Amino acid sequence: MDPGLDALQQRLQHPFAQPRLLQRAVTHRSHSADHNERLEFLGDSVLNLAVAALLFDRLKDQPEGDLSRVRANLVRQETLHRLAVDLGLPEVLRLGEGEARSGGHRRPSILADALEAVIGAVHLDAGYPAAEALVRRLFGAVEITPQMQAAAKDPKTELQEWLQGRKHPLPAYRIVSTIGAAHQQTFEVECEVAELSITERGLGASRRAGEQAAAAAVLMRLKARHG
């Protein structure tokens, strides 16, 4: 294994039975066709479940709405970016030449996505218990309190709370298209609230940014309709 990835494996405290999974997890789509987006998709779901279980244990007296707000703060891009930097992901990211020249090693969206991909890789390598243990180690030094709910809400969090407060199902997001070269892509993302027959699209420089833009558009329609 590459020395940098071997050192990362030690920081993760997870020896990979399938080292290629870790290599793929730190590979951006601008570098090669064997990139980390599918692992990121898987890791996103594993992360949300593991953080939900962590909060269920730590914040025993908090209602569901507060737990959702705290989780949104923990899995947002800014938090994942800080954890990725602490883990040393910028030093091992595999980027295409153009993306590397434009500062991709420091881009929060790329680092947050790579961290989710690493979590997905651990899940595939050794199962959910190993991935959950990694998530708990990653968040071990993060102060988790109910007061985190007071942090500014992004559109996805606000939309989730609006829907949950009215007993509606959560929205569904999907990538409609990607535009541009691999190192400078724009993502078009659709946000659908099927129960309310509302679908909107948003554009962003990353999947996350596209989801936020689509969620903001749905919120505007909901507020116009319901006040």
Protein backbone atom coordinates (compact mmCIF):
# COMPACT_ATOMS: atom_id res chain seq x y z
CA MET A 1 0.00 0.00 0.00
CA ASP A 2 1.10 3.57 -0.66
CA PRO A 3 2.84 4.95 2.49
CA GLY A 4 0.37 7.82 2.73
CA LEU A 5 -2.60 5.45 2.63
CA ASP A 6 -0.91 3.12 5.07
CA ALA A 7 -0.54 6.03 7.51
CA LEU A 8 -4.19 6.98 6.92
CA GLN A 9 -5.23 3.40 7.64
CA GLN A 10 -3.44 3.63 10.98
CA ARG A 11 -5.15 6.94 11.83
CA LEU A 12 -8.49 5.34 10.99
CA GLN A 13 -7.59 2.45 13.31
CA HIS A 14 -8.96 0.10 10.67
CA PRO A 15 -6.64 -2.30 8.80
CA PHE A 16 -8.25 -2.84 5.40
CA ALA A 17 -8.68 -6.39 4.16
CA GLN A 18 -9.33 -4.82 0.74
CA PRO A 19 -6.86 -1.91 0.44
CA ARG A 20 -8.20 -0.91 -2.98
CA LEU A 21 -11.38 0.27 -1.26
CA LEU A 22 -9.41 2.87 0.67
CA GLN A 23 -7.57 3.95 -2.48
CA ARG A 24 -10.88 4.37 -4.30
CA ALA A 25 -12.33 6.32 -1.35
CA VAL A 26 -9.69 9.05 -1.73
CA THR A 27 -9.91 9.18 -5.54
CA HIS A 28 -11.83 12.12 -7.04
CA ARG A 29 -13.69 11.69 -10.32
CA SER A 30 -11.23 14.09 -11.97
CA HIS A 31 -8.43 11.54 -11.40
CA SER A 32 -9.84 8.37 -12.93
CA ALA A 33 -12.96 6.37 -13.73
CA ASP A 34 -12.43 4.30 -10.57
CA HIS A 35 -13.50 7.18 -8.30
CA ASN A 36 -15.24 7.54 -4.95
CA GLU A 37 -18.76 8.76 -5.75
CA ARG A 38 -20.51 5.42 -5.21
CA LEU A 39 -18.66 4.95 -1.93
CA GLU A 40 -19.68 8.48 -0.94
CA PHE A 41 -23.33 7.61 -1.63
CA LEU A 42 -23.08 4.58 0.64
CA GLY A 43 -21.06 6.40 3.30
CA ASP A 44 -23.59 9.22 3.51
CA SER A 45 -26.31 6.78 4.62
CA VAL A 46 -24.00 4.90 7.00
CA LEU A 47 -22.88 8.20 8.53
CA ASN A 48 -26.44 9.39 9.12
CA LEU A 49 -27.43 6.12 10.78
CA ALA A 50 -24.30 6.00 12.95
CA VAL A 51 -24.68 9.63 14.06
CA ALA A 52 -28.36 9.04 14.82
CA ALA A 53 -27.42 6.09 17.06
CA LEU A 54 -24.68 8.17 18.71
CA LEU A 55 -27.14 10.96 19.54
CA PHE A 56 -29.74 8.49 20.72
CA ASP A 57 -27.18 7.30 23.28
CA ARG A 58 -25.71 10.66 24.30
CA LEU A 59 -28.80 12.90 24.36
CA LYS A 60 -31.19 10.57 26.11
CA ASP A 61 -33.80 13.13 27.13
CA GLN A 62 -34.04 15.09 23.88
CA PRO A 63 -37.10 14.86 21.59
CA GLU A 64 -36.89 13.75 17.98
CA GLY A 65 -36.90 17.27 16.55
CA ASP A 66 -33.88 18.31 18.63
CA LEU A 67 -32.01 15.14 17.69
CA SER A 68 -32.62 15.88 14.01
CA ARG A 69 -31.27 19.40 14.36
CA VAL A 70 -28.13 18.26 16.18
CA ARG A 71 -27.53 15.52 13.61
CA ALA A 72 -27.86 18.06 10.79
CA ASN A 73 -25.10 20.11 12.44
CA LEU A 74 -22.85 17.07 12.76
CA VAL A 75 -23.20 15.78 9.18
CA ARG A 76 -23.09 19.17 7.46
CA GLN A 77 -20.23 19.93 5.09
CA GLU A 78 -18.43 22.28 7.47
CA THR A 79 -18.20 19.66 10.22
CA LEU A 80 -17.13 16.87 7.87
CA HIS A 81 -14.53 19.15 6.30
CA ARG A 82 -12.92 19.79 9.69
CA LEU A 83 -12.89 16.09 10.50
CA ALA A 84 -11.36 15.30 7.09
CA VAL A 85 -8.57 17.84 7.66
CA ASP A 86 -7.89 16.45 11.13
CA LEU A 87 -7.69 12.97 9.61
CA GLY A 88 -5.13 14.12 7.05
CA LEU A 89 -7.25 13.50 3.95
CA PRO A 90 -5.88 16.55 2.04
CA GLU A 91 -2.47 14.88 1.88
CA VAL A 92 -3.74 11.64 0.32
CA LEU A 93 -6.48 12.83 -2.04
CA ARG A 94 -6.00 11.64 -5.60
CA LEU A 95 -7.07 14.44 -7.95
CA GLY A 96 -6.80 15.16 -11.64
CA GLU A 97 -4.19 17.71 -12.67
CA GLY A 98 -6.68 20.51 -13.25
CA GLU A 99 -8.51 19.93 -9.97
CA ALA A 100 -5.21 19.80 -8.08
CA ARG A 101 -4.03 23.09 -9.63
CA SER A 102 -7.29 24.79 -8.66
CA GLY A 103 -6.88 23.88 -4.98
CA GLY A 104 -9.03 20.77 -4.84
CA HIS A 105 -7.01 19.36 -1.93
CA ARG A 106 -8.42 22.15 0.24
CA ARG A 107 -11.97 22.33 -1.15
CA PRO A 108 -14.48 21.62 1.66
CA SER A 109 -16.98 19.82 -0.58
CA ILE A 110 -14.33 17.43 -1.97
CA LEU A 111 -12.95 16.67 1.50
CA ALA A 112 -16.39 16.14 3.05
CA ASP A 113 -17.32 13.79 0.20
CA ALA A 114 -14.05 11.89 0.59
CA LEU A 115 -14.68 11.40 4.31
CA GLU A 116 -18.10 9.92 3.55
CA ALA A 117 -16.46 7.68 0.94
CA VAL A 118 -13.94 6.44 3.54
CA ILE A 119 -16.82 5.56 5.86
CA GLY A 120 -18.51 3.71 2.99
CA ALA A 121 -15.25 1.88 2.25
CA VAL A 122 -14.94 0.69 5.85
CA HIS A 123 -18.54 -0.50 5.72
CA LEU A 124 -17.86 -2.56 2.58
CA ASP A 125 -14.57 -3.85 3.95
CA ALA A 126 -15.76 -5.00 7.37
CA GLY A 127 -19.48 -4.32 7.79
CA TYR A 128 -21.60 -1.77 9.60
CA PRO A 129 -20.19 -2.32 13.14
CA ALA A 130 -16.70 -1.34 11.95
CA ALA A 131 -18.07 1.72 10.13
CA GLU A 132 -20.11 2.78 13.15
CA ALA A 133 -17.07 2.40 15.39
CA LEU A 134 -15.11 4.65 13.00
CA VAL A 135 -17.84 7.30 13.10
CA ARG A 136 -17.84 7.25 16.90
CA ARG A 137 -14.04 7.67 16.91
CA LEU A 138 -14.25 10.55 14.43
CA PHE A 139 -16.82 12.40 16.54
CA GLY A 140 -15.20 11.45 19.83
CA ALA A 141 -13.58 14.87 20.25
CA VAL A 142 -16.62 16.84 19.03
CA GLU A 143 -18.61 18.47 21.80
CA ILE A 144 -22.20 17.31 21.31
CA THR A 145 -24.88 19.21 23.22
CA PRO A 146 -28.55 20.04 22.64
CA GLN A 147 -27.46 23.68 22.17
CA MET A 148 -26.07 22.74 18.77
CA GLN A 149 -29.62 23.09 17.53
CA ALA A 150 -29.23 26.86 17.78
CA ALA A 151 -26.74 26.91 14.91
CA ALA A 152 -27.85 28.55 11.67
CA LYS A 153 -29.97 26.22 9.58
CA ASP A 154 -29.13 25.44 5.99
CA PRO A 155 -32.00 24.97 3.49
CA LYS A 156 -31.94 21.16 3.68
CA THR A 157 -32.23 21.23 7.47
CA GLU A 158 -34.95 23.88 7.40
CA LEU A 159 -36.92 21.92 4.80
CA GLN A 160 -36.59 18.71 6.82
CA GLU A 161 -37.86 20.44 9.95
CA TRP A 162 -40.73 22.10 8.08
CA LEU A 163 -41.88 18.72 6.75
CA GLN A 164 -41.36 16.83 10.01
CA GLY A 165 -43.25 19.50 11.94
CA ARG A 166 -46.26 18.81 9.72
CA LYS A 167 -45.87 15.00 9.75
CA HIS A 168 -44.85 14.81 6.08
CA PRO A 169 -42.25 12.33 4.71
CA LEU A 170 -38.74 13.61 4.10
CA PRO A 171 -37.78 14.88 0.63
CA ALA A 172 -35.94 12.77 -1.94
CA TYR A 173 -32.87 14.11 -3.77
CA ARG A 174 -31.36 12.87 -7.00
CA ILE A 175 -28.70 14.09 -9.40
CA VAL A 176 -30.35 14.97 -12.71
CA SER A 177 -27.20 15.85 -14.64
CA THR A 178 -23.58 16.94 -14.37
CA ILE A 179 -22.26 19.67 -16.64
CA GLY A 180 -18.68 20.59 -17.48
CA ALA A 181 -15.23 19.06 -17.22
CA ALA A 182 -14.49 16.68 -14.37
CA HIS A 183 -12.45 19.26 -12.45
CA GLN A 184 -15.04 22.02 -12.78
CA GLN A 185 -18.45 20.41 -12.79
CA THR A 186 -21.89 21.81 -12.06
CA PHE A 187 -24.41 19.43 -10.52
CA GLU A 188 -28.12 19.74 -11.27
CA VAL A 189 -30.06 18.16 -8.40
CA GLU A 190 -33.79 17.54 -8.04
CA CYS A 191 -35.61 17.74 -4.70
CA GLU A 192 -39.03 16.08 -4.59
CA VAL A 193 -41.68 16.16 -1.89
CA ALA A 194 -43.97 13.57 -3.45
CA GLU A 195 -46.75 13.83 -0.90
CA LEU A 196 -47.16 17.55 -1.66
CA SER A 197 -46.56 17.15 -5.41
CA ILE A 198 -43.63 19.58 -5.35
CA THR A 199 -40.44 19.12 -7.35
CA GLU A 200 -37.71 21.72 -7.79
CA ARG A 201 -34.17 21.71 -9.13
CA GLY A 202 -31.00 23.47 -8.06
CA LEU A 203 -27.47 23.93 -9.38
CA GLY A 204 -24.21 23.78 -7.43
CA ALA A 205 -20.49 23.16 -7.76
CA SER A 206 -20.94 19.93 -5.74
CA ARG A 207 -23.73 17.45 -5.10
CA ARG A 208 -24.23 18.99 -1.67
CA ALA A 209 -24.46 22.51 -3.03
CA GLY A 210 -26.97 21.37 -5.64
CA GLU A 211 -29.10 19.71 -2.95
CA GLN A 212 -29.05 22.90 -0.88
CA ALA A 213 -30.12 24.99 -3.86
CA ALA A 214 -32.95 22.57 -4.72
CA ALA A 215 -34.11 22.50 -1.09
CA ALA A 216 -34.12 26.31 -1.00
CA ALA A 217 -36.33 26.37 -4.11
CA VAL A 218 -38.79 23.90 -2.53
CA LEU A 219 -38.87 25.97 0.66
CA MET A 220 -39.75 29.09 -1.32
CA ARG A 221 -42.71 27.32 -2.89
CA LEU A 222 -43.89 25.90 0.42
CA LYS A 223 -43.69 29.26 2.16
CA ALA A 224 -45.50 30.96 -0.73
CA ARG A 225 -48.24 28.34 -0.55
CA HIS A 226 -48.58 28.00 3.21
CA GLY A 227 -47.08 31.18 4.58
